[in-house]
Amino acid sequence: MATQAKIDHVAELVEKIKKAQSVVLVDYQGISVNDETALRRKMREAGAEYLVTKNRLFKIALKEAGVEDSFEDILEGTTAFAFGYNDPVAPAKIVFDLAKDKAKAKQNIFKIKGGVLTGKRVEAEGVEALAKLPSRDQLLSMLLNSMLGPIRKLAYATVAIADKKEAAAE
């Protein structure tokens, strides 16, 4: 890459890092083209983005974006980046599911290296824990269900009392 192109690319990465709620770093070595295409499609559908770029440029972008933690040990070898813009959990879930599928198939490829969450470094275990959380929609559904539970019970009790009085009147 020419120098100006690198500067522009770093500026673009800085913008993506600042805009993203989470960034998941993965070792993509050995992944097939079909798997990567499916991964990119799932990311787009979830409002996330998956890209591969040079580790050195990403290190510079992290520093310029204000991420203080060191990523020297993670940013070695083949690294891809999944940016979560709308939902911080979505890229972690998608990447975790693919890594789990590859592990089940006894293919020791596509491993989570770590990530960035709200400007702080997260280890691979933290990204996996994030991936195991229920989605935002599931959490909202659980909250709504717990709020409607007492109202539903009151409605059932009211109907039961009305039925009892109606049966006694007959």
N, C-alpha and C. Protein backbone atom coordinates (compact mmCIF):
# COMPACT_ATOMS: atom_id res chain seq x y z
N MET A 1 0.85 -1.19 0.00
CA MET A 1 0.00 0.00 0.00
C MET A 1 0.89 1.24 0.00
N ALA A 2 0.46 2.22 -0.71
CA ALA A 2 1.17 3.50 -0.69
C ALA A 2 0.91 4.18 0.64
N THR A 3 1.76 5.11 1.00
CA THR A 3 1.68 5.77 2.29
C THR A 3 0.33 6.46 2.50
N GLN A 4 -0.14 7.21 1.51
CA GLN A 4 -1.42 7.92 1.65
C GLN A 4 -2.57 6.93 1.78
N ALA A 5 -2.49 5.85 1.05
CA ALA A 5 -3.54 4.82 1.14
C ALA A 5 -3.56 4.22 2.54
N LYS A 6 -2.40 4.00 3.14
CA LYS A 6 -2.32 3.46 4.50
C LYS A 6 -2.90 4.45 5.50
N ILE A 7 -2.59 5.72 5.33
CA ILE A 7 -3.12 6.75 6.23
C ILE A 7 -4.64 6.80 6.14
N ASP A 8 -5.16 6.72 4.92
CA ASP A 8 -6.62 6.72 4.73
C ASP A 8 -7.25 5.48 5.33
N HIS A 9 -6.58 4.34 5.16
CA HIS A 9 -7.12 3.09 5.70
C HIS A 9 -7.13 3.12 7.24
N VAL A 10 -6.08 3.66 7.84
CA VAL A 10 -6.04 3.78 9.31
C VAL A 10 -7.14 4.72 9.78
N ALA A 11 -7.36 5.81 9.08
CA ALA A 11 -8.43 6.76 9.45
C ALA A 11 -9.79 6.07 9.37
N GLU A 12 -9.99 5.23 8.36
CA GLU A 12 -11.24 4.49 8.22
C GLU A 12 -11.40 3.49 9.38
N LEU A 13 -10.31 2.81 9.75
CA LEU A 13 -10.35 1.88 10.87
C LEU A 13 -10.65 2.59 12.18
N VAL A 14 -10.07 3.76 12.38
CA VAL A 14 -10.32 4.54 13.59
C VAL A 14 -11.80 4.88 13.70
N GLU A 15 -12.38 5.29 12.57
CA GLU A 15 -13.81 5.61 12.54
C GLU A 15 -14.66 4.39 12.89
N LYS A 16 -14.29 3.23 12.35
CA LYS A 16 -15.03 1.99 12.62
C LYS A 16 -14.91 1.60 14.10
N ILE A 17 -13.72 1.73 14.66
CA ILE A 17 -13.50 1.38 16.07
C ILE A 17 -14.31 2.29 16.97
N LYS A 18 -14.33 3.59 16.68
CA LYS A 18 -15.08 4.54 17.50
C LYS A 18 -16.58 4.31 17.39
N LYS A 19 -17.03 3.93 16.20
CA LYS A 19 -18.46 3.71 15.96
C LYS A 19 -18.95 2.39 16.54
N ALA A 20 -18.06 1.40 16.60
CA ALA A 20 -18.45 0.05 17.03
C ALA A 20 -18.63 -0.02 18.54
N GLN A 21 -19.66 -0.76 18.97
CA GLN A 21 -19.86 -1.03 20.39
C GLN A 21 -18.95 -2.16 20.84
N SER A 22 -18.59 -3.04 19.90
CA SER A 22 -17.66 -4.13 20.22
C SER A 22 -16.89 -4.51 18.96
N VAL A 23 -15.68 -5.04 19.18
CA VAL A 23 -14.86 -5.55 18.09
C VAL A 23 -14.33 -6.91 18.55
N VAL A 24 -14.54 -7.93 17.73
CA VAL A 24 -14.06 -9.27 18.05
C VAL A 24 -12.90 -9.58 17.12
N LEU A 25 -11.78 -10.04 17.69
CA LEU A 25 -10.60 -10.40 16.92
C LEU A 25 -10.53 -11.91 16.83
N VAL A 26 -10.38 -12.44 15.61
CA VAL A 26 -10.35 -13.89 15.41
C VAL A 26 -9.17 -14.29 14.54
N ASP A 27 -8.69 -15.50 14.78
CA ASP A 27 -7.69 -16.12 13.92
C ASP A 27 -8.46 -16.90 12.87
N TYR A 28 -8.42 -16.43 11.64
CA TYR A 28 -9.25 -17.02 10.59
C TYR A 28 -8.50 -18.02 9.72
N GLN A 29 -7.29 -18.37 10.10
CA GLN A 29 -6.47 -19.26 9.28
C GLN A 29 -7.17 -20.59 9.06
N GLY A 30 -7.27 -20.98 7.81
CA GLY A 30 -7.85 -22.27 7.47
C GLY A 30 -9.33 -22.25 7.17
N ILE A 31 -10.00 -21.12 7.29
CA ILE A 31 -11.44 -21.05 7.02
C ILE A 31 -11.65 -21.08 5.50
N SER A 32 -12.69 -21.77 5.07
CA SER A 32 -12.97 -21.87 3.64
C SER A 32 -13.64 -20.59 3.14
N VAL A 33 -13.59 -20.41 1.84
CA VAL A 33 -14.21 -19.23 1.22
C VAL A 33 -15.72 -19.25 1.45
N ASN A 34 -16.33 -20.43 1.36
CA ASN A 34 -17.78 -20.54 1.57
C ASN A 34 -18.16 -20.15 2.99
N ASP A 35 -17.36 -20.62 3.97
CA ASP A 35 -17.63 -20.26 5.37
C ASP A 35 -17.47 -18.77 5.59
N GLU A 36 -16.45 -18.19 4.98
CA GLU A 36 -16.22 -16.76 5.16
C GLU A 36 -17.32 -15.94 4.50
N THR A 37 -17.80 -16.37 3.35
CA THR A 37 -18.90 -15.68 2.67
C THR A 37 -20.17 -15.74 3.53
N ALA A 38 -20.45 -16.92 4.08
CA ALA A 38 -21.63 -17.06 4.95
C ALA A 38 -21.47 -16.21 6.21
N LEU A 39 -20.27 -16.15 6.75
CA LEU A 39 -20.00 -15.33 7.93
C LEU A 39 -20.24 -13.85 7.64
N ARG A 40 -19.75 -13.38 6.52
CA ARG A 40 -19.95 -11.96 6.14
C ARG A 40 -21.45 -11.66 5.97
N ARG A 41 -22.19 -12.59 5.38
CA ARG A 41 -23.63 -12.39 5.19
C ARG A 41 -24.34 -12.28 6.54
N LYS A 42 -24.01 -13.20 7.46
CA LYS A 42 -24.63 -13.16 8.79
C LYS A 42 -24.29 -11.86 9.51
N MET A 43 -23.06 -11.41 9.36
CA MET A 43 -22.64 -10.15 10.00
C MET A 43 -23.47 -8.98 9.46
N ARG A 44 -23.61 -8.92 8.14
CA ARG A 44 -24.39 -7.82 7.54
C ARG A 44 -25.82 -7.84 8.04
N GLU A 45 -26.42 -9.04 8.11
CA GLU A 45 -27.80 -9.16 8.58
C GLU A 45 -27.95 -8.71 10.02
N ALA A 46 -26.90 -8.86 10.82
CA ALA A 46 -26.94 -8.49 12.24
C ALA A 46 -26.48 -7.05 12.48
N GLY A 47 -26.21 -6.31 11.41
CA GLY A 47 -25.75 -4.93 11.57
C GLY A 47 -24.30 -4.85 12.01
N ALA A 48 -23.52 -5.85 11.63
CA ALA A 48 -22.10 -5.91 11.99
C ALA A 48 -21.28 -5.97 10.70
N GLU A 49 -19.97 -5.93 10.86
CA GLU A 49 -19.07 -5.95 9.71
C GLU A 49 -17.87 -6.82 10.03
N TYR A 50 -17.43 -7.59 9.04
CA TYR A 50 -16.29 -8.48 9.18
C TYR A 50 -15.26 -8.09 8.14
N LEU A 51 -14.02 -7.83 8.58
CA LEU A 51 -12.99 -7.49 7.61
C LEU A 51 -11.64 -7.99 8.06
N VAL A 52 -10.76 -8.10 7.08
CA VAL A 52 -9.38 -8.51 7.33
C VAL A 52 -8.50 -7.34 6.94
N THR A 53 -7.57 -7.00 7.82
CA THR A 53 -6.63 -5.92 7.54
C THR A 53 -5.31 -6.25 8.21
N LYS A 54 -4.31 -5.47 7.94
CA LYS A 54 -2.98 -5.70 8.52
C LYS A 54 -2.99 -5.40 10.01
N ASN A 55 -2.36 -6.27 10.78
CA ASN A 55 -2.28 -6.11 12.24
C ASN A 55 -1.64 -4.78 12.62
N ARG A 56 -0.57 -4.43 11.92
CA ARG A 56 0.15 -3.20 12.25
C ARG A 56 -0.74 -1.97 12.08
N LEU A 57 -1.54 -1.94 11.02
CA LEU A 57 -2.44 -0.82 10.79
C LEU A 57 -3.54 -0.78 11.85
N PHE A 58 -4.02 -1.96 12.26
CA PHE A 58 -5.05 -2.00 13.29
C PHE A 58 -4.51 -1.53 14.63
N LYS A 59 -3.25 -1.86 14.95
CA LYS A 59 -2.62 -1.39 16.19
C LYS A 59 -2.56 0.14 16.21
N ILE A 60 -2.19 0.70 15.08
CA ILE A 60 -2.13 2.17 14.97
C ILE A 60 -3.53 2.76 15.15
N ALA A 61 -4.51 2.14 14.51
CA ALA A 61 -5.89 2.63 14.60
C ALA A 61 -6.41 2.55 16.03
N LEU A 62 -6.09 1.48 16.74
CA LEU A 62 -6.52 1.35 18.13
C LEU A 62 -5.96 2.49 18.97
N LYS A 63 -4.70 2.77 18.78
CA LYS A 63 -4.05 3.84 19.54
C LYS A 63 -4.69 5.20 19.22
N GLU A 64 -4.94 5.44 17.94
CA GLU A 64 -5.55 6.71 17.52
C GLU A 64 -7.00 6.83 17.97
N ALA A 65 -7.68 5.68 18.13
CA ALA A 65 -9.07 5.68 18.58
C ALA A 65 -9.18 5.86 20.09
N GLY A 66 -8.04 5.85 20.79
CA GLY A 66 -8.05 6.07 22.23
C GLY A 66 -8.12 4.81 23.07
N VAL A 67 -7.89 3.65 22.46
CA VAL A 67 -7.87 2.40 23.21
C VAL A 67 -6.47 2.26 23.81
N GLU A 68 -6.39 2.32 25.13
CA GLU A 68 -5.11 2.35 25.81
C GLU A 68 -4.47 0.98 25.98
N ASP A 69 -5.28 -0.07 26.06
CA ASP A 69 -4.76 -1.40 26.34
C ASP A 69 -3.87 -1.89 25.20
N SER A 70 -2.92 -2.75 25.53
CA SER A 70 -2.00 -3.30 24.54
C SER A 70 -2.59 -4.56 23.91
N PHE A 71 -2.42 -4.67 22.61
CA PHE A 71 -2.91 -5.83 21.87
C PHE A 71 -1.76 -6.53 21.16
N GLU A 72 -0.53 -6.27 21.60
CA GLU A 72 0.66 -6.84 20.96
C GLU A 72 0.61 -8.35 20.88
N ASP A 73 0.17 -9.01 21.95
CA ASP A 73 0.15 -10.47 21.99
C ASP A 73 -0.97 -11.07 21.14
N ILE A 74 -2.05 -10.34 20.95
CA ILE A 74 -3.19 -10.84 20.17
C ILE A 74 -2.99 -10.58 18.68
N LEU A 75 -2.44 -9.43 18.35
CA LEU A 75 -2.33 -9.04 16.94
C LEU A 75 -1.06 -9.63 16.32
N GLU A 76 -1.03 -10.94 16.25
CA GLU A 76 0.04 -11.67 15.57
C GLU A 76 -0.61 -12.73 14.70
N GLY A 77 0.01 -13.02 13.58
CA GLY A 77 -0.55 -14.03 12.68
C GLY A 77 -1.76 -13.51 11.94
N THR A 78 -2.59 -14.44 11.50
CA THR A 78 -3.78 -14.05 10.73
C THR A 78 -4.87 -13.57 11.68
N THR A 79 -5.32 -12.35 11.46
CA THR A 79 -6.36 -11.78 12.33
C THR A 79 -7.43 -11.11 11.48
N ALA A 80 -8.67 -11.42 11.80
CA ALA A 80 -9.82 -10.76 11.18
C ALA A 80 -10.57 -10.03 12.29
N PHE A 81 -11.36 -9.05 11.91
CA PHE A 81 -12.03 -8.18 12.88
C PHE A 81 -13.52 -8.13 12.57
N ALA A 82 -14.33 -8.34 13.61
CA ALA A 82 -15.78 -8.27 13.48
C ALA A 82 -16.27 -7.09 14.31
N PHE A 83 -16.81 -6.08 13.65
CA PHE A 83 -17.28 -4.87 14.31
C PHE A 83 -18.77 -4.96 14.56
N GLY A 84 -19.19 -4.76 15.79
CA GLY A 84 -20.61 -4.75 16.14
C GLY A 84 -21.09 -3.33 16.33
N TYR A 85 -21.90 -2.84 15.42
CA TYR A 85 -22.34 -1.45 15.48
C TYR A 85 -23.64 -1.29 16.26
N ASN A 86 -24.65 -2.11 15.96
CA ASN A 86 -25.95 -1.96 16.61
C ASN A 86 -26.05 -2.74 17.90
N ASP A 87 -25.53 -3.94 17.90
CA ASP A 87 -25.63 -4.86 19.03
C ASP A 87 -24.23 -5.36 19.36
N PRO A 88 -23.72 -5.08 20.56
CA PRO A 88 -22.36 -5.52 20.88
C PRO A 88 -22.22 -7.04 21.00
N VAL A 89 -23.32 -7.73 21.17
CA VAL A 89 -23.28 -9.18 21.35
C VAL A 89 -23.28 -9.91 20.00
N ALA A 90 -23.87 -9.33 18.98
CA ALA A 90 -24.07 -10.01 17.69
C ALA A 90 -22.79 -10.55 17.07
N PRO A 91 -21.71 -9.76 16.91
CA PRO A 91 -20.52 -10.34 16.28
C PRO A 91 -19.90 -11.45 17.12
N ALA A 92 -19.96 -11.30 18.43
CA ALA A 92 -19.42 -12.34 19.31
C ALA A 92 -20.20 -13.65 19.13
N LYS A 93 -21.53 -13.56 19.06
CA LYS A 93 -22.36 -14.76 18.87
C LYS A 93 -22.07 -15.43 17.53
N ILE A 94 -22.00 -14.65 16.48
CA ILE A 94 -21.80 -15.21 15.14
C ILE A 94 -20.43 -15.89 15.05
N VAL A 95 -19.41 -15.21 15.53
CA VAL A 95 -18.04 -15.76 15.50
C VAL A 95 -17.95 -16.99 16.40
N PHE A 96 -18.56 -16.92 17.59
CA PHE A 96 -18.51 -18.04 18.53
C PHE A 96 -19.19 -19.27 17.94
N ASP A 97 -20.34 -19.07 17.28
CA ASP A 97 -21.06 -20.20 16.67
C ASP A 97 -20.22 -20.88 15.59
N LEU A 98 -19.54 -20.08 14.76
CA LEU A 98 -18.71 -20.67 13.71
C LEU A 98 -17.51 -21.39 14.33
N ALA A 99 -16.88 -20.80 15.34
CA ALA A 99 -15.75 -21.44 16.01
C ALA A 99 -16.18 -22.76 16.65
N LYS A 100 -17.38 -22.77 17.24
CA LYS A 100 -17.91 -23.98 17.88
C LYS A 100 -18.18 -25.06 16.83
N ASP A 101 -18.74 -24.67 15.69
CA ASP A 101 -19.00 -25.63 14.61
C ASP A 101 -17.70 -26.23 14.10
N LYS A 102 -16.67 -25.41 13.96
CA LYS A 102 -15.38 -25.90 13.48
C LYS A 102 -14.73 -26.83 14.50
N ALA A 103 -14.93 -26.55 15.79
CA ALA A 103 -14.38 -27.41 16.84
C ALA A 103 -15.10 -28.76 16.84
N LYS A 104 -16.42 -28.75 16.62
CA LYS A 104 -17.19 -30.01 16.56
C LYS A 104 -16.75 -30.86 15.38
N ALA A 105 -16.40 -30.20 14.28
CA ALA A 105 -15.96 -30.91 13.08
C ALA A 105 -14.49 -31.31 13.18
N LYS A 106 -13.92 -31.16 14.37
CA LYS A 106 -12.53 -31.51 14.63
C LYS A 106 -11.56 -30.74 13.76
N GLN A 107 -11.98 -29.54 13.34
CA GLN A 107 -11.10 -28.66 12.59
C GLN A 107 -10.60 -27.60 13.57
N ASN A 108 -9.34 -27.60 13.82
CA ASN A 108 -8.77 -26.68 14.80
C ASN A 108 -8.46 -25.33 14.14
N ILE A 109 -9.52 -24.73 13.58
CA ILE A 109 -9.36 -23.45 12.90
C ILE A 109 -10.39 -22.46 13.43
N PHE A 110 -10.20 -21.22 13.09
CA PHE A 110 -11.11 -20.13 13.43
C PHE A 110 -11.30 -20.02 14.94
N LYS A 111 -10.35 -19.38 15.58
CA LYS A 111 -10.36 -19.23 17.03
C LYS A 111 -10.53 -17.76 17.40
N ILE A 112 -11.25 -17.52 18.47
CA ILE A 112 -11.41 -16.17 19.01
C ILE A 112 -10.13 -15.81 19.75
N LYS A 113 -9.57 -14.65 19.42
CA LYS A 113 -8.34 -14.19 20.06
C LYS A 113 -8.62 -13.23 21.22
N GLY A 114 -9.67 -12.45 21.10
CA GLY A 114 -10.01 -11.45 22.11
C GLY A 114 -10.92 -10.42 21.49
N GLY A 115 -10.96 -9.23 22.11
CA GLY A 115 -11.82 -8.20 21.56
C GLY A 115 -11.70 -6.88 22.28
N VAL A 116 -12.52 -5.95 21.83
CA VAL A 116 -12.62 -4.62 22.42
C VAL A 116 -14.09 -4.38 22.72
N LEU A 117 -14.37 -4.04 23.97
CA LEU A 117 -15.74 -3.74 24.38
C LEU A 117 -15.73 -2.43 25.13
N THR A 118 -16.47 -1.46 24.64
CA THR A 118 -16.52 -0.11 25.21
C THR A 118 -15.12 0.45 25.45
N GLY A 119 -14.24 0.26 24.46
CA GLY A 119 -12.90 0.84 24.52
C GLY A 119 -11.90 0.11 25.40
N LYS A 120 -12.27 -1.03 25.91
CA LYS A 120 -11.37 -1.81 26.79
C LYS A 120 -11.11 -3.18 26.18
N ARG A 121 -9.92 -3.70 26.45
CA ARG A 121 -9.55 -5.03 25.97
C ARG A 121 -10.33 -6.11 26.71
N VAL A 122 -10.77 -7.12 25.97
CA VAL A 122 -11.47 -8.26 26.53
C VAL A 122 -10.74 -9.51 26.05
N GLU A 123 -10.47 -10.43 26.96
CA GLU A 123 -9.81 -11.68 26.59
C GLU A 123 -10.80 -12.59 25.86
N ALA A 124 -10.28 -13.66 25.27
CA ALA A 124 -11.12 -14.60 24.51
C ALA A 124 -12.25 -15.17 25.36
N GLU A 125 -11.96 -15.46 26.63
CA GLU A 125 -12.99 -16.00 27.53
C GLU A 125 -14.12 -15.00 27.73
N GLY A 126 -13.78 -13.72 27.80
CA GLY A 126 -14.79 -12.67 27.95
C GLY A 126 -15.68 -12.56 26.72
N VAL A 127 -15.08 -12.70 25.55
CA VAL A 127 -15.85 -12.66 24.30
C VAL A 127 -16.79 -13.86 24.24
N GLU A 128 -16.30 -15.03 24.66
CA GLU A 128 -17.14 -16.22 24.66
C GLU A 128 -18.30 -16.08 25.65
N ALA A 129 -18.03 -15.48 26.82
CA ALA A 129 -19.10 -15.24 27.80
C ALA A 129 -20.13 -14.27 27.23
N LEU A 130 -19.66 -13.26 26.52
CA LEU A 130 -20.56 -12.30 25.88
C LEU A 130 -21.42 -13.00 24.83
N ALA A 131 -20.82 -13.93 24.10
CA ALA A 131 -21.55 -14.65 23.05
C ALA A 131 -22.64 -15.55 23.62
N LYS A 132 -22.46 -15.99 24.85
CA LYS A 132 -23.44 -16.89 25.47
C LYS A 132 -24.61 -16.14 26.10
N LEU A 133 -24.53 -14.82 26.17
CA LEU A 133 -25.65 -14.02 26.71
C LEU A 133 -26.84 -14.09 25.77
N PRO A 134 -28.05 -13.96 26.31
CA PRO A 134 -29.21 -13.88 25.43
C PRO A 134 -29.14 -12.60 24.59
N SER A 135 -29.74 -12.63 23.42
CA SER A 135 -29.74 -11.46 22.56
C SER A 135 -30.60 -10.35 23.19
N ARG A 136 -30.50 -9.17 22.65
CA ARG A 136 -31.27 -8.02 23.15
C ARG A 136 -32.77 -8.31 23.06
N ASP A 137 -33.20 -8.88 21.95
CA ASP A 137 -34.62 -9.20 21.78
C ASP A 137 -35.07 -10.24 22.80
N GLN A 138 -34.24 -11.24 23.07
CA GLN A 138 -34.58 -12.25 24.07
C GLN A 138 -34.68 -11.64 25.46
N LEU A 139 -33.73 -10.74 25.79
CA LEU A 139 -33.77 -10.08 27.09
C LEU A 139 -35.02 -9.22 27.25
N LEU A 140 -35.38 -8.49 26.19
CA LEU A 140 -36.59 -7.66 26.24
C LEU A 140 -37.83 -8.53 26.39
N SER A 141 -37.85 -9.66 25.71
CA SER A 141 -38.97 -10.59 25.82
C SER A 141 -39.09 -11.14 27.24
N MET A 142 -37.96 -11.49 27.85
CA MET A 142 -37.96 -12.00 29.21
C MET A 142 -38.45 -10.93 30.19
N LEU A 143 -38.01 -9.69 29.98
CA LEU A 143 -38.43 -8.58 30.85
C LEU A 143 -39.93 -8.34 30.71
N LEU A 144 -40.42 -8.30 29.49
CA LEU A 144 -41.85 -8.07 29.26
C LEU A 144 -42.69 -9.20 29.85
N ASN A 145 -42.22 -10.42 29.70
CA ASN A 145 -42.94 -11.56 30.25
C ASN A 145 -43.00 -11.49 31.78
N SER A 146 -41.91 -11.09 32.40
CA SER A 146 -41.92 -10.98 33.87
C SER A 146 -42.81 -9.83 34.34
N MET A 147 -42.93 -8.79 33.53
CA MET A 147 -43.80 -7.67 33.90
C MET A 147 -45.27 -8.03 33.71
N LEU A 148 -45.57 -8.83 32.71
CA LEU A 148 -46.96 -9.19 32.42
C LEU A 148 -47.46 -10.34 33.29
N GLY A 149 -46.56 -11.07 33.93
CA GLY A 149 -46.94 -12.21 34.75
C GLY A 149 -47.98 -11.88 35.81
N PRO A 150 -47.74 -10.89 36.68
CA PRO A 150 -48.73 -10.55 37.71
C PRO A 150 -50.07 -10.08 37.12
N ILE A 151 -50.02 -9.33 36.04
CA ILE A 151 -51.25 -8.85 35.41
C ILE A 151 -52.05 -10.03 34.87
N ARG A 152 -51.35 -10.99 34.26
CA ARG A 152 -52.01 -12.18 33.73
C ARG A 152 -52.66 -12.98 34.86
N LYS A 153 -51.97 -13.13 35.98
CA LYS A 153 -52.52 -13.88 37.13
C LYS A 153 -53.75 -13.18 37.69
N LEU A 154 -53.73 -11.85 37.73
CA LEU A 154 -54.89 -11.08 38.20
C LEU A 154 -56.07 -11.30 37.27
N ALA A 155 -55.83 -11.32 35.97
CA ALA A 155 -56.90 -11.54 35.01
C ALA A 155 -57.50 -12.93 35.18
N TYR A 156 -56.64 -13.95 35.37
CA TYR A 156 -57.14 -15.32 35.59
C TYR A 156 -57.97 -15.40 36.87
N ALA A 157 -57.51 -14.74 37.93
CA ALA A 157 -58.23 -14.77 39.20
C ALA A 157 -59.59 -14.08 39.06
N THR A 158 -59.63 -12.98 38.35
CA THR A 158 -60.89 -12.25 38.15
C THR A 158 -61.88 -13.11 37.37
N VAL A 159 -61.42 -13.77 36.33
CA VAL A 159 -62.29 -14.64 35.54
C VAL A 159 -62.78 -15.81 36.39
N ALA A 160 -61.90 -16.37 37.23
CA ALA A 160 -62.29 -17.50 38.09
C ALA A 160 -63.36 -17.08 39.09
N ILE A 161 -63.22 -15.89 39.67
CA ILE A 161 -64.22 -15.39 40.62
C ILE A 161 -65.55 -15.17 39.91
N ALA A 162 -65.51 -14.59 38.71
CA ALA A 162 -66.73 -14.36 37.94
C ALA A 162 -67.41 -15.68 37.60
N ASP A 163 -66.65 -16.68 37.22
CA ASP A 163 -67.20 -17.99 36.89
C ASP A 163 -67.82 -18.64 38.13
N LYS A 164 -67.17 -18.48 39.27
CA LYS A 164 -67.66 -19.07 40.53
C LYS A 164 -68.99 -18.43 40.92
N LYS A 165 -69.07 -17.11 40.80
CA LYS A 165 -70.31 -16.40 41.14
C LYS A 165 -71.42 -16.79 40.16
N GLU A 166 -71.08 -16.96 38.90
CA GLU A 166 -72.06 -17.33 37.89
C GLU A 166 -72.58 -18.75 38.15
N ALA A 167 -71.69 -19.64 38.54
CA ALA A 167 -72.09 -21.03 38.84
C ALA A 167 -72.95 -21.08 40.10
N ALA A 168 -72.69 -20.23 41.08
CA ALA A 168 -73.47 -20.20 42.32
C ALA A 168 -74.87 -19.61 42.07
N ALA A 169 -74.99 -18.71 41.12
CA ALA A 169 -76.26 -18.08 40.81
C ALA A 169 -77.18 -19.03 40.07
N GLU A 170 -76.65 -20.05 39.44
CA GLU A 170 -77.48 -20.96 38.66
C GLU A 170 -78.14 -21.93 39.52
